[in-house]
C-alpha cells in the first residue's frame, strides 16, 4: 500500500522501528522542533513593528519606552522557554498561569518518559 501516509512520533519510536524487517529507506523523514528565537516570539505575539524598531537601531539606542517594552517581552519569552506550545498558549490567552500549567504538564510527561530509559546500574563490588 504505497499511498497511505503514516505519521509517527514519540521518544520510543526508534525502538519500535528496530523491530521492523525493513526501514523504508528514502521514505522516512525526521522533523525536529526547536524553541522559538526572541525575534520569532515577537512576531508570534504580533510585535513586528517593535522588532523592526529594535533592528533599525544599531547605531542609536532605543527610546526608553521601547527598550522597557522589549525587556518586559524578553522576561515573558524566557518564562515560556521559547517552547512552541508555551508560546502558542501565551499568544492565545496572554496569561502566564496558563503557560505555567502547560510547562508543568510538559515537565511531568518528560519526567515520566525518563523512567522508560532506566538502565540498571550496579555498583562494583
PDB file of N, CA and C in Angstrom:
ATOM      1  N   UNK A   1       0.842  -1.187   0.000  1.00  0.00           N
ATOM      2  CA  UNK A   1       0.000   0.000   0.000  1.00  0.00           C
ATOM      3  C   UNK A   1       0.882   1.244   0.000  1.00  0.00           C
ATOM      4  N   UNK A   2       1.355   1.681  -1.140  1.00  0.00           N
ATOM      5  CA  UNK A   2       2.264   2.831  -1.189  1.00  0.00           C
ATOM      6  C   UNK A   2       1.568   4.178  -0.970  1.00  0.00           C
ATOM      7  N   UNK A   3       0.245   4.241  -1.088  1.00  0.00           N
ATOM      8  CA  UNK A   3      -0.448   5.517  -0.989  1.00  0.00           C
ATOM      9  C   UNK A   3      -0.605   6.068   0.426  1.00  0.00           C
ATOM     10  N   UNK A   4      -0.886   5.231   1.425  1.00  0.00           N
ATOM     11  CA  UNK A   4      -1.145   5.795   2.759  1.00  0.00           C
ATOM     12  C   UNK A   4       0.085   6.484   3.344  1.00  0.00           C
ATOM     13  N   UNK A   5      -0.178   7.600   4.013  1.00  0.00           N
ATOM     14  CA  UNK A   5       0.877   8.316   4.722  1.00  0.00           C
ATOM     15  C   UNK A   5       0.730   8.002   6.199  1.00  0.00           C
ATOM     16  N   UNK A   6       1.833   7.732   6.839  1.00  0.00           N
ATOM     17  CA  UNK A   6       1.826   7.413   8.259  1.00  0.00           C
ATOM     18  C   UNK A   6       2.697   8.440   8.971  1.00  0.00           C
ATOM     19  N   UNK A   7       2.152   9.013  10.032  1.00  0.00           N
ATOM     20  CA  UNK A   7       2.917   9.928  10.857  1.00  0.00           C
ATOM     21  C   UNK A   7       3.060   9.284  12.217  1.00  0.00           C
ATOM     22  N   UNK A   8       4.281   9.175  12.686  1.00  0.00           N
ATOM     23  CA  UNK A   8       4.531   8.578  13.991  1.00  0.00           C
ATOM     24  C   UNK A   8       5.481   9.480  14.764  1.00  0.00           C
ATOM     25  N   UNK A   9       5.248   9.568  16.042  1.00  0.00           N
ATOM     26  CA  UNK A   9       6.099  10.402  16.888  1.00  0.00           C
ATOM     27  C   UNK A   9       6.201   9.767  18.259  1.00  0.00           C
ATOM     28  N   UNK A  10       7.249  10.138  18.945  1.00  0.00           N
ATOM     29  CA  UNK A  10       7.397   9.663  20.311  1.00  0.00           C
ATOM     30  C   UNK A  10       8.830   9.312  20.611  1.00  0.00           C
ATOM     31  N   UNK A  11       9.134   9.341  21.880  1.00  0.00           N
ATOM     32  CA  UNK A  11      10.514   9.115  22.289  1.00  0.00           C
ATOM     33  C   UNK A  11      10.936   7.666  22.116  1.00  0.00           C
ATOM     34  N   UNK A  12       9.991   6.745  22.044  1.00  0.00           N
ATOM     35  CA  UNK A  12      10.330   5.327  21.890  1.00  0.00           C
ATOM     36  C   UNK A  12      10.181   4.848  20.447  1.00  0.00           C
ATOM     37  N   UNK A  13       9.962   5.767  19.527  1.00  0.00           N
ATOM     38  CA  UNK A  13       9.754   5.419  18.129  1.00  0.00           C
ATOM     39  C   UNK A  13      10.951   4.663  17.553  1.00  0.00           C
ATOM     40  N   UNK A  14      12.155   5.075  17.909  1.00  0.00           N
ATOM     41  CA  UNK A  14      13.336   4.399  17.361  1.00  0.00           C
ATOM     42  C   UNK A  14      13.360   2.925  17.753  1.00  0.00           C
ATOM     43  N   UNK A  15      12.874   2.594  18.950  1.00  0.00           N
ATOM     44  CA  UNK A  15      12.832   1.199  19.376  1.00  0.00           C
ATOM     45  C   UNK A  15      11.775   0.416  18.594  1.00  0.00           C
ATOM     46  N   UNK A  16      10.661   1.060  18.308  1.00  0.00           N
ATOM     47  CA  UNK A  16       9.610   0.404  17.530  1.00  0.00           C
ATOM     48  C   UNK A  16      10.092   0.131  16.112  1.00  0.00           C
ATOM     49  N   UNK A  17      10.850   1.059  15.537  1.00  0.00           N
ATOM     50  CA  UNK A  17      11.336   0.884  14.166  1.00  0.00           C
ATOM     51  C   UNK A  17      12.393  -0.208  14.074  1.00  0.00           C
ATOM     52  N   UNK A  18      13.102  -0.475  15.164  1.00  0.00           N
ATOM     53  CA  UNK A  18      14.131  -1.517  15.138  1.00  0.00           C
ATOM     54  C   UNK A  18      13.525  -2.897  14.925  1.00  0.00           C
ATOM     55  N   UNK A  19      12.270  -3.091  15.335  1.00  0.00           N
ATOM     56  CA  UNK A  19      11.650  -4.407  15.202  1.00  0.00           C
ATOM     57  C   UNK A  19      11.084  -4.652  13.800  1.00  0.00           C
ATOM     58  N   UNK A  20      11.078  -3.640  12.951  1.00  0.00           N
ATOM     59  CA  UNK A  20      10.587  -3.813  11.587  1.00  0.00           C
ATOM     60  C   UNK A  20      11.664  -4.474  10.734  1.00  0.00           C
ATOM     61  N   UNK A  21      11.251  -5.376   9.813  1.00  0.00           N
ATOM     62  CA  UNK A  21      12.242  -6.047   8.969  1.00  0.00           C
ATOM     63  C   UNK A  21      12.955  -5.087   8.019  1.00  0.00           C
ATOM     64  N   UNK A  22      12.284  -4.039   7.551  1.00  0.00           N
ATOM     65  CA  UNK A  22      12.947  -3.040   6.714  1.00  0.00           C
ATOM     66  C   UNK A  22      12.510  -1.661   7.189  1.00  0.00           C
ATOM     67  N   UNK A  23      13.333  -0.681   6.898  1.00  0.00           N
ATOM     68  CA  UNK A  23      13.125   0.649   7.452  1.00  0.00           C
ATOM     69  C   UNK A  23      12.454   1.607   6.484  1.00  0.00           C
ATOM     70  N   UNK A  24      12.287   1.256   5.234  1.00  0.00           N
ATOM     71  CA  UNK A  24      11.672   2.168   4.268  1.00  0.00           C
ATOM     72  C   UNK A  24      12.631   3.259   3.845  1.00  0.00           C
ATOM     73  N   UNK A  25      13.818   2.882   3.408  1.00  0.00           N
ATOM     74  CA  UNK A  25      14.842   3.844   3.023  1.00  0.00           C
ATOM     75  C   UNK A  25      14.292   4.804   1.979  1.00  0.00           C
ATOM     76  N   UNK A  26      14.530   6.075   2.192  1.00  0.00           N
ATOM     77  CA  UNK A  26      14.049   7.093   1.265  1.00  0.00           C
ATOM     78  C   UNK A  26      12.607   7.480   1.503  1.00  0.00           C
ATOM     79  N   UNK A  27      11.941   6.822   2.417  1.00  0.00           N
ATOM     80  CA  UNK A  27      10.534   7.115   2.671  1.00  0.00           C
ATOM     81  C   UNK A  27      10.297   7.638   4.082  1.00  0.00           C
ATOM     82  N   UNK A  28      11.335   7.694   4.863  1.00  0.00           N
ATOM     83  CA  UNK A  28      11.206   8.162   6.239  1.00  0.00           C
ATOM     84  C   UNK A  28      11.838   9.536   6.333  1.00  0.00           C
ATOM     85  N   UNK A  29      11.115  10.457   6.933  1.00  0.00           N
ATOM     86  CA  UNK A  29      11.634  11.813   7.087  1.00  0.00           C
ATOM     87  C   UNK A  29      11.512  12.218   8.546  1.00  0.00           C
ATOM     88  N   UNK A  30      12.601  12.643   9.122  1.00  0.00           N
ATOM     89  CA  UNK A  30      12.590  13.101  10.507  1.00  0.00           C
ATOM     90  C   UNK A  30      12.440  14.613  10.533  1.00  0.00           C
ATOM     91  N   UNK A  31      11.551  15.092  11.358  1.00  0.00           N
ATOM     92  CA  UNK A  31      11.358  16.526  11.548  1.00  0.00           C
ATOM     93  C   UNK A  31      11.683  16.856  12.995  1.00  0.00           C
ATOM     94  N   UNK A  32      12.405  17.922  13.195  1.00  0.00           N
ATOM     95  CA  UNK A  32      12.797  18.315  14.537  1.00  0.00           C
ATOM     96  C   UNK A  32      12.212  19.686  14.857  1.00  0.00           C
ATOM     97  N   UNK A  33      11.743  19.833  16.072  1.00  0.00           N
ATOM     98  CA  UNK A  33      11.222  21.121  16.535  1.00  0.00           C
ATOM     99  C   UNK A  33      12.249  21.748  17.454  1.00  0.00           C
ATOM    100  N   UNK A  34      12.382  23.048  17.344  1.00  0.00           N
ATOM    101  CA  UNK A  34      13.312  23.787  18.170  1.00  0.00           C
ATOM    102  C   UNK A  34      12.559  24.916  18.872  1.00  0.00           C
ATOM    103  N   UNK A  35      13.113  25.437  19.950  1.00  0.00           N
ATOM    104  CA  UNK A  35      12.468  26.578  20.611  1.00  0.00           C
ATOM    105  C   UNK A  35      12.458  27.801  19.700  1.00  0.00           C
ATOM    106  N   UNK A  36      11.518  28.691  19.965  1.00  0.00           N
ATOM    107  CA  UNK A  36      11.456  29.963  19.254  1.00  0.00           C
ATOM    108  C   UNK A  36      12.680  30.797  19.590  1.00  0.00           C
ATOM    109  N   UNK A  37      13.107  31.622  18.651  1.00  0.00           N
ATOM    110  CA  UNK A  37      14.074  32.671  18.958  1.00  0.00           C
ATOM    111  C   UNK A  37      13.273  33.859  19.505  1.00  0.00           C
ATOM    112  N   UNK A  38      13.953  34.823  20.072  1.00  0.00           N
ATOM    113  CA  UNK A  38      13.249  36.002  20.599  1.00  0.00           C
ATOM    114  C   UNK A  38      12.562  36.760  19.470  1.00  0.00           C
ATOM    115  N   UNK A  39      13.215  36.855  18.317  1.00  0.00           N
ATOM    116  CA  UNK A  39      12.592  37.516  17.158  1.00  0.00           C
ATOM    117  C   UNK A  39      11.308  36.792  16.744  1.00  0.00           C
ATOM    118  N   UNK A  40      11.348  35.464  16.700  1.00  0.00           N
ATOM    119  CA  UNK A  40      10.156  34.692  16.335  1.00  0.00           C
ATOM    120  C   UNK A  40       9.053  34.873  17.370  1.00  0.00           C
ATOM    121  N   UNK A  41       9.444  34.961  18.640  1.00  0.00           N
ATOM    122  CA  UNK A  41       8.472  35.200  19.702  1.00  0.00           C
ATOM    123  C   UNK A  41       7.772  36.537  19.484  1.00  0.00           C
ATOM    124  N   UNK A  42       8.537  37.588  19.210  1.00  0.00           N
ATOM    125  CA  UNK A  42       7.935  38.902  18.975  1.00  0.00           C
ATOM    126  C   UNK A  42       6.980  38.867  17.782  1.00  0.00           C
ATOM    127  N   UNK A  43       7.363  38.166  16.742  1.00  0.00           N
ATOM    128  CA  UNK A  43       6.473  38.037  15.584  1.00  0.00           C
ATOM    129  C   UNK A  43       5.202  37.288  15.955  1.00  0.00           C
ATOM    130  N   UNK A  44       5.332  36.226  16.757  1.00  0.00           N
ATOM    131  CA  UNK A  44       4.165  35.419  17.142  1.00  0.00           C
ATOM    132  C   UNK A  44       3.167  36.218  17.965  1.00  0.00           C
ATOM    133  N   UNK A  45       3.653  37.143  18.782  1.00  0.00           N
ATOM    134  CA  UNK A  45       2.734  37.928  19.614  1.00  0.00           C
ATOM    135  C   UNK A  45       2.284  39.209  18.916  1.00  0.00           C
ATOM    136  N   UNK A  46       2.659  39.347  17.651  1.00  0.00           N
ATOM    137  CA  UNK A  46       2.183  40.483  16.866  1.00  0.00           C
ATOM    138  C   UNK A  46       2.963  41.764  17.069  1.00  0.00           C
ATOM    139  N   UNK A  47       4.208  41.662  17.481  1.00  0.00           N
ATOM    140  CA  UNK A  47       5.036  42.848  17.724  1.00  0.00           C
ATOM    141  C   UNK A  47       6.093  43.033  16.634  1.00  0.00           C
ATOM    142  N   UNK A  48       5.674  42.909  15.370  1.00  0.00           N
ATOM    143  CA  UNK A  48       6.601  43.071  14.258  1.00  0.00           C
ATOM    144  C   UNK A  48       7.169  44.495  14.208  1.00  0.00           C
ATOM    145  N   UNK A  49       6.338  45.490  14.533  1.00  0.00           N
ATOM    146  CA  UNK A  49       6.816  46.876  14.481  1.00  0.00           C
ATOM    147  C   UNK A  49       7.888  47.130  15.534  1.00  0.00           C
ATOM    148  N   UNK A  50       7.684  46.595  16.727  1.00  0.00           N
ATOM    149  CA  UNK A  50       8.681  46.745  17.789  1.00  0.00           C
ATOM    150  C   UNK A  50       9.977  46.032  17.398  1.00  0.00           C
ATOM    151  N   UNK A  51       9.841  44.855  16.825  1.00  0.00           N
ATOM    152  CA  UNK A  51      11.010  44.110  16.356  1.00  0.00           C
ATOM    153  C   UNK A  51      11.748  44.918  15.293  1.00  0.00           C
ATOM    154  N   UNK A  52      11.003  45.503  14.375  1.00  0.00           N
ATOM    155  CA  UNK A  52      11.612  46.330  13.328  1.00  0.00           C
ATOM    156  C   UNK A  52      12.338  47.526  13.911  1.00  0.00           C
ATOM    157  N   UNK A  53      11.734  48.168  14.917  1.00  0.00           N
ATOM    158  CA  UNK A  53      12.374  49.308  15.585  1.00  0.00           C
ATOM    159  C   UNK A  53      13.690  48.878  16.229  1.00  0.00           C
ATOM    160  N   UNK A  54      13.677  47.744  16.889  1.00  0.00           N
ATOM    161  CA  UNK A  54      14.876  47.253  17.573  1.00  0.00           C
ATOM    162  C   UNK A  54      15.990  46.956  16.570  1.00  0.00           C
ATOM    163  N   UNK A  55      15.638  46.399  15.424  1.00  0.00           N
ATOM    164  CA  UNK A  55      16.654  46.048  14.430  1.00  0.00           C
ATOM    165  C   UNK A  55      17.191  47.281  13.696  1.00  0.00           C
ATOM    166  N   UNK A  56      16.391  48.328  13.616  1.00  0.00           N
ATOM    167  CA  UNK A  56      16.826  49.547  12.925  1.00  0.00           C
ATOM    168  C   UNK A  56      17.736  50.407  13.783  1.00  0.00           C
ATOM    169  N   UNK A  57      17.832  50.092  15.044  1.00  0.00           N
ATOM    170  CA  UNK A  57      18.555  50.953  15.990  1.00  0.00           C
ATOM    171  C   UNK A  57      19.950  50.448  16.303  1.00  0.00           C
ATOM    172  N   UNK A  58      20.678  50.047  15.300  1.00  0.00           N
ATOM    173  CA  UNK A  58      22.020  49.520  15.533  1.00  0.00           C
ATOM    174  C   UNK A  58      22.947  50.622  16.050  1.00  0.00           C
ATOM    175  N   UNK A  59      22.883  51.790  15.458  1.00  0.00           N
ATOM    176  CA  UNK A  59      23.781  52.893  15.821  1.00  0.00           C
ATOM    177  C   UNK A  59      23.248  53.754  16.968  1.00  0.00           C
ATOM    178  N   UNK A  60      21.933  53.782  17.159  1.00  0.00           N
ATOM    179  CA  UNK A  60      21.340  54.668  18.166  1.00  0.00           C
ATOM    180  C   UNK A  60      20.520  53.841  19.147  1.00  0.00           C
ATOM    181  N   UNK A  61      20.587  54.184  20.418  1.00  0.00           N
ATOM    182  CA  UNK A  61      19.809  53.425  21.399  1.00  0.00           C
ATOM    183  C   UNK A  61      18.311  53.636  21.202  1.00  0.00           C
ATOM    184  N   UNK A  62      17.555  52.644  21.615  1.00  0.00           N
ATOM    185  CA  UNK A  62      16.096  52.745  21.563  1.00  0.00           C
ATOM    186  C   UNK A  62      15.614  53.756  22.591  1.00  0.00           C
ATOM    187  N   UNK A  63      14.520  54.422  22.316  1.00  0.00           N
ATOM    188  CA  UNK A  63      13.906  55.246  23.360  1.00  0.00           C
ATOM    189  C   UNK A  63      13.534  54.357  24.559  1.00  0.00           C
ATOM    190  N   UNK A  64      13.561  54.936  25.743  1.00  0.00           N
ATOM    191  CA  UNK A  64      13.313  54.172  26.974  1.00  0.00           C
ATOM    192  C   UNK A  64      12.015  53.379  26.935  1.00  0.00           C
ATOM    193  N   UNK A  65      10.961  53.942  26.386  1.00  0.00           N
ATOM    194  CA  UNK A  65       9.667  53.256  26.331  1.00  0.00           C
ATOM    195  C   UNK A  65       9.770  51.948  25.549  1.00  0.00           C
ATOM    196  N   UNK A  66      10.404  51.988  24.374  1.00  0.00           N
ATOM    197  CA  UNK A  66      10.571  50.786  23.555  1.00  0.00           C
ATOM    198  C   UNK A  66      11.511  49.791  24.232  1.00  0.00           C
ATOM    199  N   UNK A  67      12.580  50.328  24.821  1.00  0.00           N
ATOM    200  CA  UNK A  67      13.554  49.468  25.493  1.00  0.00           C
ATOM    201  C   UNK A  67      12.890  48.707  26.639  1.00  0.00           C
ATOM    202  N   UNK A  68      12.086  49.405  27.443  1.00  0.00           N
ATOM    203  CA  UNK A  68      11.411  48.753  28.570  1.00  0.00           C
ATOM    204  C   UNK A  68      10.409  47.705  28.084  1.00  0.00           C
ATOM    205  N   UNK A  69       9.707  48.015  27.005  1.00  0.00           N
ATOM    206  CA  UNK A  69       8.746  47.051  26.464  1.00  0.00           C
ATOM    207  C   UNK A  69       9.468  45.795  25.973  1.00  0.00           C
ATOM    208  N   UNK A  70      10.598  45.972  25.309  1.00  0.00           N
ATOM    209  CA  UNK A  70      11.388  44.820  24.861  1.00  0.00           C
ATOM    210  C   UNK A  70      11.895  44.002  26.041  1.00  0.00           C
ATOM    211  N   UNK A  71      12.326  44.669  27.102  1.00  0.00           N
ATOM    212  CA  UNK A  71      12.778  43.947  28.299  1.00  0.00           C
ATOM    213  C   UNK A  71      11.645  43.150  28.929  1.00  0.00           C
ATOM    214  N   UNK A  72      10.453  43.741  28.977  1.00  0.00           N
ATOM    215  CA  UNK A  72       9.291  43.023  29.517  1.00  0.00           C
ATOM    216  C   UNK A  72       8.978  41.792  28.677  1.00  0.00           C
ATOM    217  N   UNK A  73       9.016  41.951  27.350  1.00  0.00           N
ATOM    218  CA  UNK A  73       8.761  40.810  26.467  1.00  0.00           C
ATOM    219  C   UNK A  73       9.869  39.762  26.580  1.00  0.00           C
ATOM    220  N   UNK A  74      11.105  40.207  26.800  1.00  0.00           N
ATOM    221  CA  UNK A  74      12.204  39.259  26.967  1.00  0.00           C
ATOM    222  C   UNK A  74      11.971  38.398  28.211  1.00  0.00           C
ATOM    223  N   UNK A  75      11.507  39.015  29.290  1.00  0.00           N
ATOM    224  CA  UNK A  75      11.193  38.249  30.503  1.00  0.00           C
ATOM    225  C   UNK A  75      10.097  37.226  30.233  1.00  0.00           C
ATOM    226  N   UNK A  76       9.066  37.643  29.519  1.00  0.00           N
ATOM    227  CA  UNK A  76       7.974  36.726  29.183  1.00  0.00           C
ATOM    228  C   UNK A  76       8.489  35.593  28.307  1.00  0.00           C
ATOM    229  N   UNK A  77       9.298  35.943  27.309  1.00  0.00           N
ATOM    230  CA  UNK A  77       9.891  34.939  26.424  1.00  0.00           C
ATOM    231  C   UNK A  77      10.697  33.924  27.225  1.00  0.00           C
ATOM    232  N   UNK A  78      11.492  34.397  28.157  1.00  0.00           N
ATOM    233  CA  UNK A  78      12.322  33.489  28.946  1.00  0.00           C
ATOM    234  C   UNK A  78      11.459  32.588  29.828  1.00  0.00           C
ATOM    235  N   UNK A  79      10.336  33.096  30.311  1.00  0.00           N
ATOM    236  CA  UNK A  79       9.442  32.267  31.117  1.00  0.00           C
ATOM    237  C   UNK A  79       8.773  31.179  30.286  1.00  0.00           C
ATOM    238  N   UNK A  80       8.542  31.444  29.004  1.00  0.00           N
ATOM    239  CA  UNK A  80       7.962  30.414  28.135  1.00  0.00           C
ATOM    240  C   UNK A  80       9.016  29.411  27.712  1.00  0.00           C
ATOM    241  N   UNK A  81      10.278  29.775  27.854  1.00  0.00           N
ATOM    242  CA  UNK A  81      11.359  28.909  27.415  1.00  0.00           C
ATOM    243  C   UNK A  81      11.453  28.843  25.904  1.00  0.00           C
ATOM    244  N   UNK A  82      10.644  29.637  25.221  1.00  0.00           N
ATOM    245  CA  UNK A  82      10.631  29.585  23.764  1.00  0.00           C
ATOM    246  C   UNK A  82       9.954  28.332  23.230  1.00  0.00           C
ATOM    247  N   UNK A  83       9.362  27.542  24.136  1.00  0.00           N
ATOM    248  CA  UNK A  83       8.713  26.290  23.723  1.00  0.00           C
ATOM    249  C   UNK A  83       7.487  26.626  22.870  1.00  0.00           C
ATOM    250  N   UNK A  84       7.380  26.009  21.686  1.00  0.00           N
ATOM    251  CA  UNK A  84       6.284  26.357  20.775  1.00  0.00           C
ATOM    252  C   UNK A  84       4.897  26.303  21.413  1.00  0.00           C
ATOM    253  N   UNK A  85       4.603  25.267  22.188  1.00  0.00           N
ATOM    254  CA  UNK A  85       3.271  25.182  22.790  1.00  0.00           C
ATOM    255  C   UNK A  85       3.081  26.242  23.859  1.00  0.00           C
ATOM    256  N   UNK A  86       4.128  26.558  24.602  1.00  0.00           N
ATOM    257  CA  UNK A  86       4.042  27.598  25.622  1.00  0.00           C
ATOM    258  C   UNK A  86       3.822  28.964  24.974  1.00  0.00           C
ATOM    259  N   UNK A  87       4.525  29.228  23.883  1.00  0.00           N
ATOM    260  CA  UNK A  87       4.339  30.484  23.162  1.00  0.00           C
ATOM    261  C   UNK A  87       2.921  30.551  22.601  1.00  0.00           C
ATOM    262  N   UNK A  88       2.432  29.446  22.037  1.00  0.00           N
ATOM    263  CA  UNK A  88       1.066  29.419  21.499  1.00  0.00           C
ATOM    264  C   UNK A  88       0.050  29.686  22.604  1.00  0.00           C
ATOM    265  N   UNK A  89       0.275  29.139  23.774  1.00  0.00           N
ATOM    266  CA  UNK A  89      -0.618  29.374  24.908  1.00  0.00           C
ATOM    267  C   UNK A  89      -0.608  30.847  25.294  1.00  0.00           C
ATOM    268  N   UNK A  90       0.579  31.451  25.319  1.00  0.00           N
ATOM    269  CA  UNK A  90       0.674  32.872  25.656  1.00  0.00           C
ATOM    270  C   UNK A  90      -0.004  33.727  24.599  1.00  0.00           C
ATOM    271  N   UNK A  91       0.198  33.401  23.341  1.00  0.00           N
ATOM    272  CA  UNK A  91      -0.431  34.163  22.255  1.00  0.00           C
ATOM    273  C   UNK A  91      -1.956  34.096  22.388  1.00  0.00           C
ATOM    274  N   UNK A  92      -2.457  32.920  22.725  1.00  0.00           N
ATOM    275  CA  UNK A  92      -3.910  32.718  22.798  1.00  0.00           C
ATOM    276  C   UNK A  92      -4.546  33.431  23.989  1.00  0.00           C
ATOM    277  N   UNK A  93      -3.937  33.332  25.172  1.00  0.00           N
ATOM    278  CA  UNK A  93      -4.597  33.835  26.385  1.00  0.00           C
ATOM    279  C   UNK A  93      -3.908  35.024  27.033  1.00  0.00           C
ATOM    280  N   UNK A  94      -2.633  35.211  26.738  1.00  0.00           N
ATOM    281  CA  UNK A  94      -1.813  36.248  27.391  1.00  0.00           C
ATOM    282  C   UNK A  94      -1.788  36.083  28.915  1.00  0.00           C
ATOM    283  N   UNK A  95      -1.988  34.847  29.367  1.00  0.00           N
ATOM    284  CA  UNK A  95      -1.998  34.528  30.794  1.00  0.00           C
ATOM    285  C   UNK A  95      -0.816  33.627  31.123  1.00  0.00           C
ATOM    286  N   UNK A  96       0.077  34.117  31.961  1.00  0.00           N
ATOM    287  CA  UNK A  96       1.250  33.316  32.324  1.00  0.00           C
ATOM    288  C   UNK A  96       0.857  32.095  33.145  1.00  0.00           C
ATOM    289  N   UNK A  97      -0.261  32.144  33.839  1.00  0.00           N
ATOM    290  CA  UNK A  97      -0.717  30.976  34.593  1.00  0.00           C
ATOM    291  C   UNK A  97      -1.025  29.815  33.643  1.00  0.00           C
ATOM    292  N   UNK A  98      -1.634  30.109  32.506  1.00  0.00           N
ATOM    293  CA  UNK A  98      -1.898  29.068  31.500  1.00  0.00           C
ATOM    294  C   UNK A  98      -0.586  28.512  30.948  1.00  0.00           C
ATOM    295  N   UNK A  99       0.387  29.395  30.713  1.00  0.00           N
ATOM    296  CA  UNK A  99       1.691  28.960  30.219  1.00  0.00           C
ATOM    297  C   UNK A  99       2.353  28.057  31.249  1.00  0.00           C
ATOM    298  N   UNK A 100       2.279  28.446  32.528  1.00  0.00           N
ATOM    299  CA  UNK A 100       2.903  27.646  33.577  1.00  0.00           C
ATOM    300  C   UNK A 100       2.257  26.272  33.693  1.00  0.00           C
ATOM    301  N   UNK A 101       0.940  26.197  33.549  1.00  0.00           N
ATOM    302  CA  UNK A 101       0.252  24.893  33.591  1.00  0.00           C
ATOM    303  C   UNK A 101       0.742  23.999  32.453  1.00  0.00           C
ATOM    304  N   UNK A 102       0.865  24.582  31.261  1.00  0.00           N
ATOM    305  CA  UNK A 102       1.314  23.814  30.106  1.00  0.00           C
ATOM    306  C   UNK A 102       2.745  23.332  30.325  1.00  0.00           C
ATOM    307  N   UNK A 103       3.619  24.202  30.846  1.00  0.00           N
ATOM    308  CA  UNK A 103       5.000  23.805  31.108  1.00  0.00           C
ATOM    309  C   UNK A 103       5.076  22.751  32.208  1.00  0.00           C
ATOM    310  N   UNK A 104       4.217  22.859  33.212  1.00  0.00           N
ATOM    311  CA  UNK A 104       4.159  21.834  34.261  1.00  0.00           C
ATOM    312  C   UNK A 104       3.772  20.483  33.674  1.00  0.00           C
ATOM    313  N   UNK A 105       2.767  20.482  32.787  1.00  0.00           N
ATOM    314  CA  UNK A 105       2.350  19.237  32.128  1.00  0.00           C
ATOM    315  C   UNK A 105       3.500  18.639  31.320  1.00  0.00           C
ATOM    316  N   UNK A 106       4.216  19.492  30.613  1.00  0.00           N
ATOM    317  CA  UNK A 106       5.359  19.040  29.823  1.00  0.00           C
ATOM    318  C   UNK A 106       6.433  18.443  30.729  1.00  0.00           C
ATOM    319  N   UNK A 107       6.730  19.116  31.821  1.00  0.00           N
ATOM    320  CA  UNK A 107       7.743  18.627  32.754  1.00  0.00           C
ATOM    321  C   UNK A 107       7.347  17.273  33.325  1.00  0.00           C
ATOM    322  N   UNK A 108       6.082  17.120  33.702  1.00  0.00           N
ATOM    323  CA  UNK A 108       5.603  15.859  34.264  1.00  0.00           C
ATOM    324  C   UNK A 108       5.729  14.733  33.240  1.00  0.00           C
ATOM    325  N   UNK A 109       5.343  15.004  31.991  1.00  0.00           N
ATOM    326  CA  UNK A 109       5.418  13.952  30.967  1.00  0.00           C
ATOM    327  C   UNK A 109       6.873  13.620  30.623  1.00  0.00           C
ATOM    328  N   UNK A 110       7.749  14.616  30.605  1.00  0.00           N
ATOM    329  CA  UNK A 110       9.166  14.334  30.353  1.00  0.00           C
ATOM    330  C   UNK A 110       9.769  13.501  31.481  1.00  0.00           C
ATOM    331  N   UNK A 111       9.408  13.849  32.683  1.00  0.00           N
ATOM    332  CA  UNK A 111       9.935  13.104  33.827  1.00  0.00           C
ATOM    333  C   UNK A 111       9.450  11.647  33.779  1.00  0.00           C
ATOM    334  N   UNK A 112       8.188  11.450  33.449  1.00  0.00           N
ATOM    335  CA  UNK A 112       7.646  10.092  33.350  1.00  0.00           C
ATOM    336  C   UNK A 112       8.316   9.334  32.208  1.00  0.00           C
ATOM    337  N   UNK A 113       8.657  10.038  31.146  1.00  0.00           N
ATOM    338  CA  UNK A 113       9.286   9.414  29.988  1.00  0.00           C
ATOM    339  C   UNK A 113      10.685   8.909  30.320  1.00  0.00           C
ATOM    340  N   UNK A 114      11.396   9.603  31.190  1.00  0.00           N
ATOM    341  CA  UNK A 114      12.753   9.190  31.547  1.00  0.00           C
ATOM    342  C   UNK A 114      12.770   7.813  32.194  1.00  0.00           C
ATOM    343  N   UNK A 115      11.723   7.447  32.879  1.00  0.00           N
ATOM    344  CA  UNK A 115      11.707   6.139  33.544  1.00  0.00           C
ATOM    345  C   UNK A 115      11.734   4.994  32.536  1.00  0.00           C
ATOM    346  N   UNK A 116      11.316   5.247  31.296  1.00  0.00           N
ATOM    347  CA  UNK A 116      11.337   4.208  30.266  1.00  0.00           C
ATOM    348  C   UNK A 116      12.763   3.834  29.874  1.00  0.00           C
ATOM    349  N   UNK A 117      13.698   4.726  30.144  1.00  0.00           N
ATOM    350  CA  UNK A 117      15.078   4.512  29.740  1.00  0.00           C
ATOM    351  C   UNK A 117      15.966   4.121  30.909  1.00  0.00           C
ATOM    352  N   UNK A 118      15.373   3.751  32.018  1.00  0.00           N
ATOM    353  CA  UNK A 118      16.162   3.397  33.185  1.00  0.00           C
ATOM    354  C   UNK A 118      17.085   2.241  32.855  1.00  0.00           C
ATOM    355  N   UNK A 119      18.334   2.437  33.095  1.00  0.00           N
ATOM    356  CA  UNK A 119      19.323   1.402  32.878  1.00  0.00           C
ATOM    357  C   UNK A 119      19.790   0.957  34.259  1.00  0.00           C
ATOM    358  N   UNK A 120      19.705  -0.318  34.529  1.00  0.00           N
ATOM    359  CA  UNK A 120      20.141  -0.771  35.855  1.00  0.00           C
ATOM    360  C   UNK A 120      21.621  -0.457  36.052  1.00  0.00           C
ATOM    361  N   UNK A 121      21.907   0.077  37.176  1.00  0.00           N
ATOM    362  CA  UNK A 121      23.291   0.420  37.498  1.00  0.00           C
ATOM    363  C   UNK A 121      23.714  -0.395  38.698  1.00  0.00           C
ATOM    364  N   UNK A 122      24.789  -1.100  38.547  1.00  0.00           N
ATOM    365  CA  UNK A 122      25.295  -1.934  39.634  1.00  0.00           C
ATOM    366  C   UNK A 122      26.626  -1.375  40.101  1.00  0.00           C
ATOM    367  N   UNK A 123      26.739  -1.168  41.359  1.00  0.00           N
ATOM    368  CA  UNK A 123      27.993  -0.692  41.934  1.00  0.00           C
ATOM    369  C   UNK A 123      29.030  -1.804  41.894  1.00  0.00           C
ATOM    370  N   UNK A 124      30.256  -1.467  41.588  1.00  0.00           N
ATOM    371  CA  UNK A 124      31.292  -2.504  41.606  1.00  0.00           C
ATOM    372  C   UNK A 124      31.483  -3.044  43.025  1.00  0.00           C
ATOM    373  N   UNK A 125      31.734  -4.306  43.106  1.00  0.00           N
ATOM    374  CA  UNK A 125      31.909  -4.949  44.412  1.00  0.00           C
ATOM    375  C   UNK A 125      33.328  -4.861  44.858  1.00  0.00           C
TER     376      UNK A 125
END
